[in-house]
Amino acid sequence: MDAATEHPHPSRLKLVGLRALIALAALNIWTGAPLLGVWVGSKAASSSQPSMGIFALIAIVIFATCLALVRLIAWATAVHDDLTGERHAVRRQVPWLRSMRGERVEWERGRAGLTALERTLVAVVLLATVVFEVWFFFFSGSSIGSG
């Protein structure tokens, strides 16, 4: 018995929790993984002059952390889709790669829509962009004329 038949109406708390997990993992791909890599590299360095080995260690930690976060997002998305009953075809073509002829058919059927994962990832990217722009324009200070 799968989760969809076991819980025909998933609790709102589970769905919100899964979406929050997806958003947190997506945000940590861009923030947490690099910070973890730099922290591990700083702990492994024996002097203030880093070596190529330390840079390789940082890159490996960032890669492994990002891979784990992407797998976590994929797992949370699959659980979310099972709970909500969303089913996707094995081969799914993203909207920007469709031909205009094919897109008309999709729009006429009312099928072209974003999944919860896609909405969450778009929201995380937009939030990160806004936060970066606010920091850059208002808090980072100008390097022009400070010489």
Protein backbone atom coordinates (compact mmCIF):
# COMPACT_ATOMS: atom_id res chain seq x y z
CA MET A 1 0.00 0.00 0.00
CA ASP A 2 1.57 3.30 -1.04
CA ALA A 3 1.34 6.66 0.72
CA ALA A 4 -1.30 8.03 -1.66
CA THR A 5 -3.80 5.26 -0.91
CA GLU A 6 -2.87 5.12 2.75
CA HIS A 7 -3.51 8.86 3.25
CA PRO A 8 -6.06 10.05 0.66
CA HIS A 9 -6.04 13.55 2.17
CA PRO A 10 -2.50 14.37 3.31
CA SER A 11 -2.18 16.66 6.27
CA ARG A 12 -1.40 20.26 5.51
CA LEU A 13 1.44 20.12 8.03
CA LYS A 14 3.21 17.34 6.09
CA LEU A 15 2.89 19.22 2.81
CA VAL A 16 4.14 22.48 4.33
CA GLY A 17 6.99 20.61 5.99
CA LEU A 18 8.03 18.98 2.72
CA ARG A 19 7.88 22.30 0.87
CA ALA A 20 9.90 23.96 3.62
CA LEU A 21 12.46 21.14 3.42
CA ILE A 22 12.73 21.60 -0.35
CA ALA A 23 13.16 25.38 0.05
CA LEU A 24 15.74 25.00 2.82
CA ALA A 25 17.73 22.44 0.85
CA ALA A 26 17.59 24.58 -2.31
CA LEU A 27 18.79 27.62 -0.38
CA ASN A 28 21.61 25.65 1.23
CA ILE A 29 22.91 24.55 -2.17
CA TRP A 30 23.90 28.18 -2.73
CA THR A 31 24.78 29.19 0.83
CA GLY A 32 25.35 26.27 3.19
CA ALA A 33 27.42 24.04 0.91
CA PRO A 34 30.06 26.70 0.10
CA LEU A 35 30.21 27.82 3.73
CA LEU A 36 30.65 24.22 4.88
CA GLY A 37 33.39 23.69 2.29
CA VAL A 38 35.28 26.81 3.40
CA TRP A 39 34.86 25.87 7.07
CA VAL A 40 36.20 22.33 6.49
CA GLY A 41 39.07 23.79 4.45
CA SER A 42 39.92 26.26 7.22
CA LYS A 43 39.99 23.47 9.80
CA ALA A 44 42.18 21.29 7.58
CA ALA A 45 44.69 24.03 6.73
CA SER A 46 47.82 24.00 8.86
CA SER A 47 49.00 27.48 7.89
CA SER A 48 47.56 30.74 6.62
CA GLN A 49 48.85 29.91 3.11
CA PRO A 50 46.40 27.45 1.52
CA SER A 51 47.66 24.69 -0.73
CA MET A 52 46.09 23.09 -3.78
CA GLY A 53 45.11 20.16 -1.56
CA ILE A 54 43.00 22.46 0.60
CA PHE A 55 41.30 23.92 -2.49
CA ALA A 56 40.62 20.39 -3.73
CA LEU A 57 39.19 19.45 -0.32
CA ILE A 58 36.91 22.51 -0.41
CA ALA A 59 35.70 21.61 -3.92
CA ILE A 60 35.05 17.98 -2.91
CA VAL A 61 33.10 19.03 0.20
CA ILE A 62 31.00 21.50 -1.81
CA PHE A 63 30.33 18.89 -4.52
CA ALA A 64 29.38 16.16 -2.02
CA THR A 65 27.15 18.52 -0.03
CA CYS A 66 25.38 19.79 -3.16
CA LEU A 67 24.87 16.23 -4.39
CA ALA A 68 23.36 15.23 -1.04
CA LEU A 69 21.08 18.27 -1.07
CA VAL A 70 19.91 17.57 -4.63
CA ARG A 71 19.12 13.98 -3.65
CA LEU A 72 17.24 15.27 -0.59
CA ILE A 73 15.21 17.60 -2.84
CA ALA A 74 14.44 14.72 -5.22
CA TRP A 75 13.32 12.50 -2.32
CA ALA A 76 11.15 15.24 -0.76
CA THR A 77 9.60 15.97 -4.15
CA ALA A 78 8.77 12.30 -4.70
CA VAL A 79 7.16 12.06 -1.26
CA HIS A 80 5.24 15.29 -1.89
CA ASP A 81 4.01 14.02 -5.26
CA ASP A 82 2.92 10.73 -3.69
CA LEU A 83 1.00 12.54 -0.96
CA THR A 84 -0.74 14.91 -3.37
CA GLY A 85 -1.33 12.28 -6.03
CA GLU A 86 0.62 14.13 -8.72
CA ARG A 87 1.92 11.77 -11.34
CA HIS A 88 4.42 12.73 -13.99
CA ALA A 89 5.33 10.97 -17.18
CA VAL A 90 8.69 9.27 -17.27
CA ARG A 91 9.86 11.70 -19.94
CA ARG A 92 8.85 15.26 -19.16
CA GLN A 93 9.89 18.07 -21.44
CA VAL A 94 10.53 21.43 -19.81
CA PRO A 95 8.46 24.33 -21.17
CA TRP A 96 11.32 26.32 -22.67
CA LEU A 97 12.39 23.38 -24.86
CA ARG A 98 8.96 22.80 -26.38
CA SER A 99 8.07 23.94 -29.85
CA MET A 100 5.43 26.62 -30.14
CA ARG A 101 3.10 24.16 -31.88
CA GLY A 102 3.34 21.74 -28.99
CA GLU A 103 2.90 24.52 -26.47
CA ARG A 104 -0.44 25.58 -27.96
CA VAL A 105 -1.76 22.06 -27.50
CA GLU A 106 -0.59 21.99 -23.87
CA TRP A 107 -2.18 25.36 -23.12
CA GLU A 108 -5.45 24.35 -24.78
CA ARG A 109 -5.62 21.27 -22.56
CA GLY A 110 -4.87 23.35 -19.48
CA ARG A 111 -2.02 20.99 -18.60
CA ALA A 112 0.93 23.41 -18.57
CA GLY A 113 1.58 24.21 -14.94
CA LEU A 114 4.36 24.26 -12.42
CA THR A 115 4.85 21.54 -9.85
CA ALA A 116 5.36 22.31 -6.17
CA LEU A 117 9.08 21.69 -6.62
CA GLU A 118 9.31 24.13 -9.53
CA ARG A 119 7.36 26.82 -7.67
CA THR A 120 9.56 26.37 -4.60
CA LEU A 121 12.81 26.55 -6.56
CA VAL A 122 11.65 29.65 -8.44
CA ALA A 123 10.70 31.30 -5.15
CA VAL A 124 14.10 30.47 -3.61
CA VAL A 125 15.97 31.89 -6.62
CA LEU A 126 13.85 35.06 -6.57
CA LEU A 127 14.37 35.48 -2.83
CA ALA A 128 18.13 34.98 -3.16
CA THR A 129 18.27 37.51 -6.00
CA VAL A 130 16.35 40.14 -4.04
CA VAL A 131 18.46 39.61 -0.90
CA PHE A 132 21.67 39.85 -2.93
CA GLU A 133 20.54 43.04 -4.66
CA VAL A 134 19.52 44.66 -1.37
CA TRP A 135 22.88 43.76 0.16
CA PHE A 136 24.85 44.85 -2.91
CA PHE A 137 23.15 48.21 -3.39
CA PHE A 138 22.55 49.24 0.23
CA PHE A 139 24.95 47.44 2.59
CA SER A 140 28.13 46.37 0.75
CA GLY A 141 29.63 49.84 0.44
CA SER A 142 31.39 51.17 -2.58
CA SER A 143 34.97 50.35 -3.50
CA ILE A 144 35.04 53.35 -5.85
CA GLY A 145 36.97 56.25 -4.39
CA SER A 146 37.99 54.47 -1.20
CA GLY A 147 41.67 54.31 -2.25
